[in-house]
Amino acid sequence: QVYLVESGGGSVQAGGSLRLSCVRSGDTDSSVSMGWFRQAPGKEREGVASIDPHGTTTYTDSVKGRFTISKDYAKNTLYLQMNSLKPEDTAMYYCAAERGTALNPLLSYMYSRWGQGTQVTVSS
């Protein structure tokens, strides 16, 4: 079984930065796609960024140029560097993983393994 644990969330002022981390343990198969999703109250879960087994990344339009997803393969840790944060980025952020690749890796139903989430709050 794969276990995912997120950390790094918190409260910041608009324009600030945070780096989220997601540690993967249990099944450490390297041939996995991983992604960051977020969900704000009253909204559907949204795919934010993903990285496939080859290191190819995908971002939703609203975070392009501000967020960067990366993975430390040696540490089995996924990161999301978030810069120039905006109040609309406020949400619970979830890490997800699934074996293989997907044509559209920002769809939540692709993923079967999920972390518990870490809260990001951006104030004006």
C-alpha atoms as a PDB file:
ATOM      1  CA  GLN A   1       0.000   0.000   0.000  1.00  0.00           C
ATOM      2  CA  VAL A   2       1.089   3.574  -0.702  1.00  0.00           C
ATOM      3  CA  TYR A   3       0.877   6.163   2.041  1.00  0.00           C
ATOM      4  CA  LEU A   4       1.092   9.893   1.434  1.00  0.00           C
ATOM      5  CA  VAL A   5       1.650  12.555   4.068  1.00  0.00           C
ATOM      6  CA  GLU A   6       1.534  16.252   3.232  1.00  0.00           C
ATOM      7  CA  SER A   7       3.126  19.072   5.162  1.00  0.00           C
ATOM      8  CA  GLY A   8       4.168  22.677   4.699  1.00  0.00           C
ATOM      9  CA  GLY A   9       0.832  24.429   4.676  1.00  0.00           C
ATOM     10  CA  GLY A  10       0.170  27.513   6.695  1.00  0.00           C
ATOM     11  CA  SER A  11      -1.026  31.091   6.654  1.00  0.00           C
ATOM     12  CA  VAL A  12       0.748  33.726   4.591  1.00  0.00           C
ATOM     13  CA  GLN A  13       0.143  37.191   3.253  1.00  0.00           C
ATOM     14  CA  ALA A  14      -0.708  37.727  -0.392  1.00  0.00           C
ATOM     15  CA  GLY A  15       2.461  37.730  -2.450  1.00  0.00           C
ATOM     16  CA  GLY A  16       4.194  35.341  -0.096  1.00  0.00           C
ATOM     17  CA  SER A  17       5.487  31.838  -0.669  1.00  0.00           C
ATOM     18  CA  LEU A  18       5.065  28.351   0.714  1.00  0.00           C
ATOM     19  CA  ARG A  19       6.573  25.002  -0.156  1.00  0.00           C
ATOM     20  CA  LEU A  20       4.415  21.941   0.321  1.00  0.00           C
ATOM     21  CA  SER A  21       5.915  18.499   0.765  1.00  0.00           C
ATOM     22  CA  CYS A  22       4.419  15.056   0.284  1.00  0.00           C
ATOM     23  CA  VAL A  23       6.301  12.023   1.526  1.00  0.00           C
ATOM     24  CA  ARG A  24       5.452   8.705  -0.105  1.00  0.00           C
ATOM     25  CA  SER A  25       6.053   5.490   1.784  1.00  0.00           C
ATOM     26  CA  GLY A  26       5.025   1.857   1.680  1.00  0.00           C
ATOM     27  CA  ASP A  27       5.122   0.940  -1.998  1.00  0.00           C
ATOM     28  CA  THR A  28       8.018   2.969  -3.392  1.00  0.00           C
ATOM     29  CA  ASP A  29       7.552   2.028  -7.059  1.00  0.00           C
ATOM     30  CA  SER A  30       9.170   4.805  -9.073  1.00  0.00           C
ATOM     31  CA  SER A  31       6.840   4.429 -12.051  1.00  0.00           C
ATOM     32  CA  VAL A  32       4.114   6.650 -10.671  1.00  0.00           C
ATOM     33  CA  SER A  33       2.414   9.890 -11.501  1.00  0.00           C
ATOM     34  CA  MET A  34       1.899  12.297  -8.652  1.00  0.00           C
ATOM     35  CA  GLY A  35      -0.146  15.421  -8.375  1.00  0.00           C
ATOM     36  CA  TRP A  36      -1.289  18.245  -6.193  1.00  0.00           C
ATOM     37  CA  PHE A  37      -4.979  19.013  -5.928  1.00  0.00           C
ATOM     38  CA  ARG A  38      -6.840  21.625  -3.956  1.00  0.00           C
ATOM     39  CA  GLN A  39     -10.343  22.130  -2.729  1.00  0.00           C
ATOM     40  CA  ALA A  40     -11.855  25.295  -1.327  1.00  0.00           C
ATOM     41  CA  PRO A  41     -15.211  25.446   0.457  1.00  0.00           C
ATOM     42  CA  GLY A  42     -18.066  25.259  -2.026  1.00  0.00           C
ATOM     43  CA  LYS A  43     -15.825  24.297  -4.937  1.00  0.00           C
ATOM     44  CA  GLU A  44     -14.913  21.073  -6.686  1.00  0.00           C
ATOM     45  CA  ARG A  45     -11.520  19.530  -6.224  1.00  0.00           C
ATOM     46  CA  GLU A  46      -9.129  21.080  -8.719  1.00  0.00           C
ATOM     47  CA  GLY A  47      -5.970  19.649 -10.213  1.00  0.00           C
ATOM     48  CA  VAL A  48      -3.116  22.079  -9.608  1.00  0.00           C
ATOM     49  CA  ALA A  49       0.031  20.383 -10.854  1.00  0.00           C
ATOM     50  CA  SER A  50       1.313  16.928 -11.721  1.00  0.00           C
ATOM     51  CA  ILE A  51       4.528  15.138 -12.557  1.00  0.00           C
ATOM     52  CA  ASP A  52       4.726  11.843 -14.407  1.00  0.00           C
ATOM     53  CA  PRO A  53       7.286   9.018 -14.091  1.00  0.00           C
ATOM     54  CA  HIS A  54       9.513  10.729 -16.669  1.00  0.00           C
ATOM     55  CA  GLY A  55       9.469  14.089 -14.903  1.00  0.00           C
ATOM     56  CA  THR A  56       7.040  15.758 -17.300  1.00  0.00           C
ATOM     57  CA  THR A  57       4.995  18.388 -15.493  1.00  0.00           C
ATOM     58  CA  THR A  58       1.525  19.787 -16.050  1.00  0.00           C
ATOM     59  CA  TYR A  59      -0.075  22.855 -14.475  1.00  0.00           C
ATOM     60  CA  THR A  60      -3.499  24.338 -14.390  1.00  0.00           C
ATOM     61  CA  ASP A  61      -3.591  27.746 -16.051  1.00  0.00           C
ATOM     62  CA  SER A  62      -4.249  29.712 -12.886  1.00  0.00           C
ATOM     63  CA  VAL A  63      -0.919  28.730 -11.307  1.00  0.00           C
ATOM     64  CA  LYS A  64       1.399  28.741 -14.310  1.00  0.00           C
ATOM     65  CA  GLY A  65       4.419  30.901 -13.655  1.00  0.00           C
ATOM     66  CA  ARG A  66       3.780  30.906  -9.916  1.00  0.00           C
ATOM     67  CA  PHE A  67       3.862  27.256  -8.809  1.00  0.00           C
ATOM     68  CA  THR A  68       6.486  24.609  -9.475  1.00  0.00           C
ATOM     69  CA  ILE A  69       6.082  20.888  -8.891  1.00  0.00           C
ATOM     70  CA  SER A  70       9.136  18.707  -8.407  1.00  0.00           C
ATOM     71  CA  LYS A  71      10.135  15.369  -6.967  1.00  0.00           C
ATOM     72  CA  ASP A  72      13.154  14.164  -5.058  1.00  0.00           C
ATOM     73  CA  TYR A  73      13.317  10.565  -6.225  1.00  0.00           C
ATOM     74  CA  ALA A  74      15.890   9.571  -3.629  1.00  0.00           C
ATOM     75  CA  LYS A  75      13.670  10.789  -0.789  1.00  0.00           C
ATOM     76  CA  ASN A  76      10.345   9.767  -2.343  1.00  0.00           C
ATOM     77  CA  THR A  77       9.149  13.279  -1.682  1.00  0.00           C
ATOM     78  CA  LEU A  78       6.967  15.471  -3.865  1.00  0.00           C
ATOM     79  CA  TYR A  79       7.114  19.253  -3.579  1.00  0.00           C
ATOM     80  CA  LEU A  80       4.984  22.167  -4.623  1.00  0.00           C
ATOM     81  CA  GLN A  81       6.744  25.507  -4.505  1.00  0.00           C
ATOM     82  CA  MET A  82       4.105  28.221  -4.428  1.00  0.00           C
ATOM     83  CA  ASN A  83       5.158  31.806  -5.077  1.00  0.00           C
ATOM     84  CA  SER A  84       3.189  35.023  -5.489  1.00  0.00           C
ATOM     85  CA  LEU A  85       0.324  33.522  -3.551  1.00  0.00           C
ATOM     86  CA  LYS A  86      -3.125  35.023  -3.932  1.00  0.00           C
ATOM     87  CA  PRO A  87      -6.166  34.839  -1.656  1.00  0.00           C
ATOM     88  CA  GLU A  88      -7.870  32.652  -4.259  1.00  0.00           C
ATOM     89  CA  ASP A  89      -5.167  30.034  -3.681  1.00  0.00           C
ATOM     90  CA  THR A  90      -6.646  29.429  -0.241  1.00  0.00           C
ATOM     91  CA  ALA A  91      -7.689  25.778  -0.051  1.00  0.00           C
ATOM     92  CA  MET A  92      -6.922  22.398   1.376  1.00  0.00           C
ATOM     93  CA  TYR A  93      -4.119  20.944  -0.720  1.00  0.00           C
ATOM     94  CA  TYR A  94      -3.895  17.215  -1.311  1.00  0.00           C
ATOM     95  CA  CYS A  95      -1.140  15.020  -2.647  1.00  0.00           C
ATOM     96  CA  ALA A  96      -2.126  12.082  -4.852  1.00  0.00           C
ATOM     97  CA  ALA A  97      -0.375   9.194  -6.588  1.00  0.00           C
ATOM     98  CA  GLU A  98      -1.110   6.514  -9.152  1.00  0.00           C
ATOM     99  CA  ARG A  99       0.983   4.064 -11.105  1.00  0.00           C
ATOM    100  CA  GLY A 100       1.704   4.956 -14.700  1.00  0.00           C
ATOM    101  CA  THR A 101       0.751   7.982 -16.751  1.00  0.00           C
ATOM    102  CA  ALA A 102      -2.397   9.693 -17.971  1.00  0.00           C
ATOM    103  CA  LEU A 103      -3.290  11.841 -20.957  1.00  0.00           C
ATOM    104  CA  ASN A 104      -4.799  14.411 -18.598  1.00  0.00           C
ATOM    105  CA  PRO A 105      -3.052  14.024 -15.237  1.00  0.00           C
ATOM    106  CA  LEU A 106      -5.019  16.808 -13.535  1.00  0.00           C
ATOM    107  CA  LEU A 107      -8.198  14.766 -13.268  1.00  0.00           C
ATOM    108  CA  SER A 108      -8.735  13.568  -9.735  1.00  0.00           C
ATOM    109  CA  TYR A 109     -10.289  10.237 -10.729  1.00  0.00           C
ATOM    110  CA  MET A 110      -6.965   9.109 -12.162  1.00  0.00           C
ATOM    111  CA  TYR A 111      -5.541   8.814  -8.658  1.00  0.00           C
ATOM    112  CA  SER A 112      -6.286   6.131  -6.120  1.00  0.00           C
ATOM    113  CA  ARG A 113      -3.901   7.136  -3.341  1.00  0.00           C
ATOM    114  CA  TRP A 114      -4.434  10.351  -1.423  1.00  0.00           C
ATOM    115  CA  GLY A 115      -2.931  12.146   1.501  1.00  0.00           C
ATOM    116  CA  GLN A 116      -4.890  13.774   4.300  1.00  0.00           C
ATOM    117  CA  GLY A 117      -4.312  17.309   3.090  1.00  0.00           C
ATOM    118  CA  THR A 118      -2.587  20.425   4.323  1.00  0.00           C
ATOM    119  CA  GLN A 119      -4.318  23.776   4.663  1.00  0.00           C
ATOM    120  CA  VAL A 120      -3.061  26.839   2.802  1.00  0.00           C
ATOM    121  CA  THR A 121      -4.528  30.194   3.756  1.00  0.00           C
ATOM    122  CA  VAL A 122      -3.562  33.392   1.953  1.00  0.00           C
ATOM    123  CA  SER A 123      -4.705  36.683   3.417  1.00  0.00           C
ATOM    124  CA  SER A 124      -4.867  40.063   1.736  1.00  0.00           C
END
